[in-house]
Amino acid sequence: MTIVSELQSDFNSILTYGEQIRIKYYNQAIVGEYDDDTYITQSGTDLWTSGVVQPISSNQYKSDALLLQQGKLLMDDKKIYVCGDVQTSGLGQIKIGVGSPVSQEYQIMEDGQVNSWEVNGSSVYKKIYVRFLPTGDFIGE
């Protein structure tokens, strides 16, 4: 067994204590002359997986604090740790629902707020920064 597969196995054992999350992928189309005429449609099927949901930390020695200072994160945002092979990029936006049944909907933050921890070119886990969607829907959905 290689070090990468051991690390992935260890992280998967941590995920057994996480929450069920649903990931929905969307395509975005601009219909009119202006970019505010957008429509969002779901792409493919929902992906159910396990994730560890954590609050944002304001501790000055954590990477969250730098993003807070830059204004890219708010204290109400969350971070979710998922397995490294979960698809977190695509043509459109991605929505993450927490719980089974889903009780809260989040969107992945923009500006590359998905960090992948890799060993020898293989992703072990991903840390995803998300923001709560008060209505549960994107604009144009």
N, C-alpha and C. Protein backbone atom coordinates (compact mmCIF):
# COMPACT_ATOMS: atom_id res chain seq x y z
N MET A 1 0.84 -1.17 0.00
CA MET A 1 0.00 0.00 0.00
C MET A 1 0.89 1.24 0.00
N THR A 2 0.59 2.18 -0.88
CA THR A 2 1.40 3.39 -0.97
C THR A 2 0.95 4.42 0.07
N ILE A 3 1.79 5.43 0.24
CA ILE A 3 1.48 6.48 1.22
C ILE A 3 0.21 7.23 0.82
N VAL A 4 0.01 7.43 -0.48
CA VAL A 4 -1.18 8.15 -0.95
C VAL A 4 -2.45 7.37 -0.62
N SER A 5 -2.46 6.08 -0.91
CA SER A 5 -3.65 5.28 -0.63
C SER A 5 -3.89 5.15 0.87
N GLU A 6 -2.82 5.14 1.67
CA GLU A 6 -2.99 5.11 3.12
C GLU A 6 -3.62 6.41 3.63
N LEU A 7 -3.15 7.54 3.10
CA LEU A 7 -3.71 8.83 3.51
C LEU A 7 -5.17 8.95 3.08
N GLN A 8 -5.49 8.51 1.87
CA GLN A 8 -6.87 8.55 1.39
C GLN A 8 -7.75 7.65 2.25
N SER A 9 -7.25 6.49 2.61
CA SER A 9 -8.00 5.58 3.46
C SER A 9 -8.23 6.18 4.85
N ASP A 10 -7.21 6.82 5.40
CA ASP A 10 -7.35 7.47 6.71
C ASP A 10 -8.38 8.59 6.65
N PHE A 11 -8.34 9.40 5.58
CA PHE A 11 -9.29 10.49 5.47
C PHE A 11 -10.71 9.95 5.28
N ASN A 12 -10.86 8.88 4.51
CA ASN A 12 -12.18 8.27 4.34
C ASN A 12 -12.74 7.76 5.66
N SER A 13 -11.88 7.28 6.54
CA SER A 13 -12.37 6.83 7.85
C SER A 13 -12.84 8.03 8.69
N ILE A 14 -12.23 9.20 8.50
CA ILE A 14 -12.71 10.41 9.18
C ILE A 14 -14.08 10.80 8.64
N LEU A 15 -14.28 10.66 7.33
CA LEU A 15 -15.54 11.05 6.71
C LEU A 15 -16.73 10.21 7.18
N THR A 16 -16.48 9.05 7.76
CA THR A 16 -17.60 8.25 8.28
C THR A 16 -18.30 8.97 9.42
N TYR A 17 -17.60 9.92 10.06
CA TYR A 17 -18.20 10.71 11.14
C TYR A 17 -18.77 12.03 10.65
N GLY A 18 -18.71 12.27 9.35
CA GLY A 18 -19.22 13.51 8.77
C GLY A 18 -20.71 13.45 8.51
N GLU A 19 -21.20 14.46 7.81
CA GLU A 19 -22.61 14.56 7.46
C GLU A 19 -22.80 14.18 6.00
N GLN A 20 -24.01 13.75 5.66
CA GLN A 20 -24.34 13.50 4.27
C GLN A 20 -24.49 14.85 3.57
N ILE A 21 -23.86 14.97 2.40
CA ILE A 21 -24.02 16.18 1.60
C ILE A 21 -24.41 15.79 0.18
N ARG A 22 -25.21 16.67 -0.42
CA ARG A 22 -25.64 16.47 -1.81
C ARG A 22 -25.00 17.57 -2.65
N ILE A 23 -24.36 17.19 -3.73
CA ILE A 23 -23.74 18.16 -4.62
C ILE A 23 -24.52 18.17 -5.92
N LYS A 24 -24.97 19.38 -6.32
CA LYS A 24 -25.69 19.57 -7.57
C LYS A 24 -24.84 20.45 -8.48
N TYR A 25 -24.69 20.00 -9.71
CA TYR A 25 -23.92 20.74 -10.70
C TYR A 25 -24.89 21.45 -11.65
N TYR A 26 -24.54 22.67 -12.05
CA TYR A 26 -25.41 23.48 -12.90
C TYR A 26 -24.66 24.00 -14.12
N ASN A 27 -25.41 24.18 -15.21
CA ASN A 27 -24.92 24.88 -16.39
C ASN A 27 -25.55 26.25 -16.40
N GLN A 28 -24.80 27.23 -16.86
CA GLN A 28 -25.30 28.60 -16.91
C GLN A 28 -25.29 29.06 -18.36
N ALA A 29 -26.40 29.63 -18.80
CA ALA A 29 -26.52 30.13 -20.17
C ALA A 29 -26.97 31.58 -20.14
N ILE A 30 -26.32 32.40 -20.97
CA ILE A 30 -26.71 33.80 -21.11
C ILE A 30 -27.61 33.87 -22.34
N VAL A 31 -28.82 34.40 -22.15
CA VAL A 31 -29.83 34.35 -23.19
C VAL A 31 -29.93 35.65 -23.98
N GLY A 32 -29.78 36.78 -23.35
CA GLY A 32 -29.96 38.05 -24.03
C GLY A 32 -28.63 38.70 -24.36
N GLU A 33 -28.71 40.00 -24.64
CA GLU A 33 -27.51 40.76 -24.94
C GLU A 33 -26.69 41.04 -23.69
N TYR A 34 -27.34 41.05 -22.56
CA TYR A 34 -26.68 41.44 -21.32
C TYR A 34 -26.46 40.22 -20.44
N ASP A 35 -25.43 40.29 -19.62
CA ASP A 35 -25.08 39.14 -18.79
C ASP A 35 -26.02 38.93 -17.61
N ASP A 36 -26.98 39.83 -17.41
CA ASP A 36 -27.93 39.60 -16.32
C ASP A 36 -29.11 38.74 -16.75
N ASP A 37 -29.20 38.41 -18.04
CA ASP A 37 -30.23 37.50 -18.56
C ASP A 37 -29.67 36.08 -18.58
N THR A 38 -29.50 35.50 -17.41
CA THR A 38 -28.92 34.16 -17.33
C THR A 38 -29.94 33.15 -16.84
N TYR A 39 -29.78 31.95 -17.30
CA TYR A 39 -30.59 30.83 -16.85
C TYR A 39 -29.67 29.74 -16.35
N ILE A 40 -30.07 29.12 -15.28
CA ILE A 40 -29.27 28.05 -14.69
C ILE A 40 -30.11 26.78 -14.72
N THR A 41 -29.53 25.72 -15.27
CA THR A 41 -30.21 24.42 -15.30
C THR A 41 -29.30 23.37 -14.70
N GLN A 42 -29.90 22.40 -14.05
CA GLN A 42 -29.11 21.34 -13.43
C GLN A 42 -28.47 20.47 -14.50
N SER A 43 -27.24 20.10 -14.25
CA SER A 43 -26.48 19.27 -15.19
C SER A 43 -26.24 17.91 -14.54
N GLY A 44 -26.75 16.86 -15.13
CA GLY A 44 -26.51 15.53 -14.60
C GLY A 44 -27.34 15.22 -13.37
N THR A 45 -26.87 14.25 -12.61
CA THR A 45 -27.58 13.81 -11.42
C THR A 45 -26.87 14.30 -10.17
N ASP A 46 -27.58 14.23 -9.06
CA ASP A 46 -27.01 14.65 -7.78
C ASP A 46 -25.94 13.65 -7.33
N LEU A 47 -24.92 14.16 -6.69
CA LEU A 47 -23.88 13.32 -6.10
C LEU A 47 -24.03 13.38 -4.59
N TRP A 48 -24.25 12.23 -3.97
CA TRP A 48 -24.33 12.14 -2.51
C TRP A 48 -23.02 11.61 -1.99
N THR A 49 -22.47 12.28 -1.00
CA THR A 49 -21.21 11.85 -0.40
C THR A 49 -21.19 12.30 1.05
N SER A 50 -20.13 12.01 1.73
CA SER A 50 -19.98 12.43 3.12
C SER A 50 -18.99 13.59 3.18
N GLY A 51 -19.25 14.52 4.08
CA GLY A 51 -18.36 15.67 4.25
C GLY A 51 -18.34 16.12 5.69
N VAL A 52 -17.26 16.73 6.08
CA VAL A 52 -17.12 17.27 7.42
C VAL A 52 -17.31 18.79 7.33
N VAL A 53 -18.36 19.29 7.95
CA VAL A 53 -18.70 20.72 7.90
C VAL A 53 -18.11 21.40 9.14
N GLN A 54 -17.37 22.48 8.92
CA GLN A 54 -16.71 23.21 9.99
C GLN A 54 -17.00 24.70 9.88
N PRO A 55 -17.02 25.42 11.00
CA PRO A 55 -17.16 26.88 10.93
C PRO A 55 -15.84 27.52 10.50
N ILE A 56 -15.93 28.77 10.08
CA ILE A 56 -14.73 29.53 9.73
C ILE A 56 -14.03 29.94 11.02
N SER A 57 -12.72 29.83 11.03
CA SER A 57 -11.93 30.17 12.22
C SER A 57 -11.29 31.54 12.05
N SER A 58 -11.39 32.37 13.08
CA SER A 58 -10.75 33.68 13.03
C SER A 58 -9.37 33.67 13.69
N ASN A 59 -8.89 32.49 14.07
CA ASN A 59 -7.57 32.35 14.66
C ASN A 59 -6.53 32.88 13.68
N GLN A 60 -5.66 33.76 14.13
CA GLN A 60 -4.71 34.42 13.25
C GLN A 60 -3.72 33.46 12.60
N TYR A 61 -3.58 32.27 13.13
CA TYR A 61 -2.62 31.31 12.59
C TYR A 61 -3.26 30.34 11.59
N LYS A 62 -4.51 30.53 11.28
CA LYS A 62 -5.22 29.67 10.32
C LYS A 62 -5.34 30.40 8.99
N SER A 63 -5.46 29.63 7.91
CA SER A 63 -5.59 30.24 6.58
C SER A 63 -6.92 30.97 6.44
N ASP A 64 -7.92 30.59 7.22
CA ASP A 64 -9.22 31.27 7.16
C ASP A 64 -9.09 32.75 7.53
N ALA A 65 -8.21 33.07 8.47
CA ALA A 65 -8.07 34.45 8.94
C ALA A 65 -7.61 35.37 7.82
N LEU A 66 -6.72 34.90 6.98
CA LEU A 66 -6.26 35.72 5.86
C LEU A 66 -7.40 36.01 4.89
N LEU A 67 -8.21 35.00 4.60
CA LEU A 67 -9.35 35.20 3.71
C LEU A 67 -10.41 36.12 4.34
N LEU A 68 -10.55 36.06 5.65
CA LEU A 68 -11.44 36.98 6.35
C LEU A 68 -10.93 38.42 6.24
N GLN A 69 -9.63 38.61 6.44
CA GLN A 69 -9.06 39.95 6.35
C GLN A 69 -9.17 40.52 4.95
N GLN A 70 -9.08 39.67 3.94
CA GLN A 70 -9.18 40.12 2.55
C GLN A 70 -10.63 40.36 2.14
N GLY A 71 -11.58 39.99 2.97
CA GLY A 71 -12.98 40.18 2.66
C GLY A 71 -13.57 39.12 1.75
N LYS A 72 -12.83 38.04 1.52
CA LYS A 72 -13.33 36.97 0.67
C LYS A 72 -14.26 36.03 1.41
N LEU A 73 -14.16 35.99 2.73
CA LEU A 73 -15.01 35.15 3.57
C LEU A 73 -15.71 36.01 4.62
N LEU A 74 -16.86 35.52 5.07
CA LEU A 74 -17.58 36.10 6.19
C LEU A 74 -17.58 35.10 7.33
N MET A 75 -17.80 35.56 8.53
CA MET A 75 -17.82 34.65 9.68
C MET A 75 -18.95 33.64 9.60
N ASP A 76 -20.02 33.96 8.86
CA ASP A 76 -21.14 33.03 8.71
C ASP A 76 -20.88 31.94 7.68
N ASP A 77 -19.82 32.05 6.90
CA ASP A 77 -19.50 31.04 5.89
C ASP A 77 -19.03 29.76 6.59
N LYS A 78 -18.95 28.71 5.83
CA LYS A 78 -18.50 27.40 6.35
C LYS A 78 -17.41 26.85 5.45
N LYS A 79 -16.73 25.84 5.95
CA LYS A 79 -15.81 25.07 5.12
C LYS A 79 -16.22 23.60 5.23
N ILE A 80 -16.14 22.91 4.12
CA ILE A 80 -16.53 21.51 4.06
C ILE A 80 -15.36 20.71 3.51
N TYR A 81 -14.99 19.67 4.22
CA TYR A 81 -13.93 18.78 3.78
C TYR A 81 -14.57 17.57 3.11
N VAL A 82 -14.13 17.26 1.89
CA VAL A 82 -14.64 16.12 1.15
C VAL A 82 -13.48 15.32 0.59
N CYS A 83 -13.78 14.13 0.13
CA CYS A 83 -12.79 13.25 -0.49
C CYS A 83 -12.17 13.95 -1.70
N GLY A 84 -10.94 13.67 -1.98
CA GLY A 84 -10.21 14.35 -3.04
C GLY A 84 -10.71 14.08 -4.44
N ASP A 85 -11.45 12.99 -4.65
CA ASP A 85 -11.91 12.68 -6.00
C ASP A 85 -13.28 13.27 -6.33
N VAL A 86 -13.86 14.06 -5.44
CA VAL A 86 -15.15 14.71 -5.68
C VAL A 86 -14.95 15.87 -6.66
N GLN A 87 -15.75 15.90 -7.72
CA GLN A 87 -15.66 16.96 -8.73
C GLN A 87 -16.17 18.27 -8.14
N THR A 88 -15.32 19.31 -8.13
CA THR A 88 -15.71 20.59 -7.54
C THR A 88 -15.55 21.75 -8.51
N SER A 89 -15.41 21.45 -9.78
CA SER A 89 -15.35 22.51 -10.77
C SER A 89 -16.16 22.07 -11.98
N GLY A 90 -16.60 23.03 -12.75
CA GLY A 90 -17.40 22.70 -13.92
C GLY A 90 -17.75 23.94 -14.72
N LEU A 91 -18.73 23.80 -15.58
CA LEU A 91 -19.12 24.91 -16.45
C LEU A 91 -19.89 25.99 -15.71
N GLY A 92 -20.62 25.59 -14.70
CA GLY A 92 -21.47 26.54 -13.99
C GLY A 92 -21.26 26.48 -12.50
N GLN A 93 -22.27 26.90 -11.80
CA GLN A 93 -22.19 26.94 -10.35
C GLN A 93 -22.46 25.57 -9.76
N ILE A 94 -22.06 25.41 -8.50
CA ILE A 94 -22.26 24.16 -7.78
C ILE A 94 -22.96 24.49 -6.47
N LYS A 95 -23.99 23.71 -6.16
CA LYS A 95 -24.74 23.89 -4.92
C LYS A 95 -24.52 22.67 -4.03
N ILE A 96 -24.31 22.91 -2.74
CA ILE A 96 -24.10 21.82 -1.79
C ILE A 96 -25.20 21.87 -0.75
N GLY A 97 -25.92 20.78 -0.62
CA GLY A 97 -26.95 20.65 0.40
C GLY A 97 -26.42 19.80 1.54
N VAL A 98 -26.64 20.24 2.77
CA VAL A 98 -26.13 19.53 3.94
C VAL A 98 -27.29 18.81 4.63
N GLY A 99 -27.07 17.55 4.95
CA GLY A 99 -28.06 16.75 5.65
C GLY A 99 -28.82 15.83 4.72
N SER A 100 -29.47 14.86 5.29
CA SER A 100 -30.32 13.95 4.53
C SER A 100 -31.58 13.70 5.36
N PRO A 101 -32.70 14.33 5.04
CA PRO A 101 -32.94 15.21 3.91
C PRO A 101 -32.20 16.54 4.07
N VAL A 102 -31.99 17.21 2.95
CA VAL A 102 -31.22 18.46 2.94
C VAL A 102 -31.94 19.52 3.75
N SER A 103 -31.21 20.11 4.71
CA SER A 103 -31.80 21.14 5.56
C SER A 103 -31.23 22.52 5.26
N GLN A 104 -30.04 22.59 4.66
CA GLN A 104 -29.42 23.86 4.33
C GLN A 104 -28.72 23.74 2.98
N GLU A 105 -28.84 24.81 2.18
CA GLU A 105 -28.20 24.85 0.86
C GLU A 105 -27.09 25.89 0.87
N TYR A 106 -25.95 25.55 0.27
CA TYR A 106 -24.80 26.43 0.19
C TYR A 106 -24.30 26.49 -1.25
N GLN A 107 -23.61 27.58 -1.57
CA GLN A 107 -22.94 27.66 -2.86
C GLN A 107 -21.45 27.72 -2.62
N ILE A 108 -20.69 27.17 -3.55
CA ILE A 108 -19.23 27.23 -3.45
C ILE A 108 -18.80 28.66 -3.74
N MET A 109 -17.91 29.17 -2.91
CA MET A 109 -17.42 30.53 -3.08
C MET A 109 -16.62 30.63 -4.37
N GLU A 110 -16.65 31.82 -4.95
CA GLU A 110 -15.89 32.05 -6.17
C GLU A 110 -14.44 32.38 -5.82
N ASP A 111 -13.67 32.73 -6.80
CA ASP A 111 -12.25 33.07 -6.63
C ASP A 111 -11.42 31.88 -6.19
N GLY A 112 -11.76 30.68 -6.67
CA GLY A 112 -10.94 29.51 -6.39
C GLY A 112 -10.90 29.11 -4.94
N GLN A 113 -12.04 29.15 -4.25
CA GLN A 113 -12.07 28.82 -2.84
C GLN A 113 -12.22 27.32 -2.59
N VAL A 114 -11.61 26.53 -3.45
CA VAL A 114 -11.54 25.09 -3.24
C VAL A 114 -10.05 24.74 -3.19
N ASN A 115 -9.61 24.26 -2.04
CA ASN A 115 -8.21 23.89 -1.87
C ASN A 115 -8.07 22.39 -1.82
N SER A 116 -7.18 21.88 -2.64
CA SER A 116 -6.95 20.44 -2.69
C SER A 116 -5.59 20.13 -2.06
N TRP A 117 -5.58 19.17 -1.15
CA TRP A 117 -4.32 18.73 -0.54
C TRP A 117 -3.85 17.51 -1.30
N GLU A 118 -2.71 17.65 -1.98
CA GLU A 118 -2.22 16.58 -2.84
C GLU A 118 -0.90 16.01 -2.33
N VAL A 119 -0.73 14.72 -2.60
CA VAL A 119 0.52 14.03 -2.32
C VAL A 119 0.89 13.25 -3.57
N ASN A 120 2.06 13.51 -4.10
CA ASN A 120 2.54 12.84 -5.33
C ASN A 120 1.54 12.96 -6.48
N GLY A 121 0.89 14.11 -6.61
CA GLY A 121 -0.03 14.36 -7.71
C GLY A 121 -1.42 13.78 -7.53
N SER A 122 -1.69 13.13 -6.41
CA SER A 122 -3.02 12.57 -6.14
C SER A 122 -3.68 13.37 -5.02
N SER A 123 -4.93 13.76 -5.25
CA SER A 123 -5.65 14.54 -4.25
C SER A 123 -6.14 13.64 -3.13
N VAL A 124 -5.83 14.02 -1.89
CA VAL A 124 -6.25 13.26 -0.72
C VAL A 124 -7.59 13.78 -0.22
N TYR A 125 -7.70 15.10 -0.06
CA TYR A 125 -8.97 15.72 0.34
C TYR A 125 -9.05 17.12 -0.22
N LYS A 126 -10.26 17.67 -0.19
CA LYS A 126 -10.49 19.05 -0.63
C LYS A 126 -11.19 19.81 0.48
N LYS A 127 -10.79 21.08 0.62
CA LYS A 127 -11.45 21.98 1.56
C LYS A 127 -12.20 22.99 0.70
N ILE A 128 -13.53 23.03 0.89
CA ILE A 128 -14.39 23.88 0.08
C ILE A 128 -15.01 24.95 0.97
N TYR A 129 -14.84 26.20 0.59
CA TYR A 129 -15.48 27.30 1.30
C TYR A 129 -16.84 27.54 0.68
N VAL A 130 -17.88 27.60 1.51
CA VAL A 130 -19.25 27.75 1.01
C VAL A 130 -19.97 28.87 1.75
N ARG A 131 -20.98 29.43 1.07
CA ARG A 131 -21.82 30.48 1.65
C ARG A 131 -23.28 30.03 1.60
N PHE A 132 -24.00 30.29 2.68
CA PHE A 132 -25.39 29.89 2.82
C PHE A 132 -26.27 30.59 1.79
N LEU A 133 -27.18 29.84 1.18
CA LEU A 133 -28.19 30.39 0.27
C LEU A 133 -29.49 30.53 1.04
N PRO A 134 -29.89 31.74 1.42
CA PRO A 134 -31.07 31.92 2.27
C PRO A 134 -32.35 31.35 1.67
N THR A 135 -32.51 31.46 0.34
CA THR A 135 -33.72 30.94 -0.30
C THR A 135 -33.53 29.51 -0.78
N GLY A 136 -32.30 29.02 -0.76
CA GLY A 136 -32.02 27.68 -1.23
C GLY A 136 -31.80 27.60 -2.73
N ASP A 137 -31.94 28.73 -3.44
CA ASP A 137 -31.81 28.73 -4.90
C ASP A 137 -30.82 29.81 -5.34
N PHE A 138 -30.21 29.57 -6.51
CA PHE A 138 -29.40 30.59 -7.16
C PHE A 138 -30.32 31.59 -7.84
N ILE A 139 -29.81 32.76 -8.15
CA ILE A 139 -30.57 33.72 -8.95
C ILE A 139 -30.65 33.17 -10.37
N GLY A 140 -31.86 33.08 -10.91
CA GLY A 140 -32.05 32.56 -12.26
C GLY A 140 -32.32 31.07 -12.32
N GLU A 141 -32.39 30.44 -11.16
CA GLU A 141 -32.64 29.00 -11.14
C GLU A 141 -34.13 28.72 -11.27
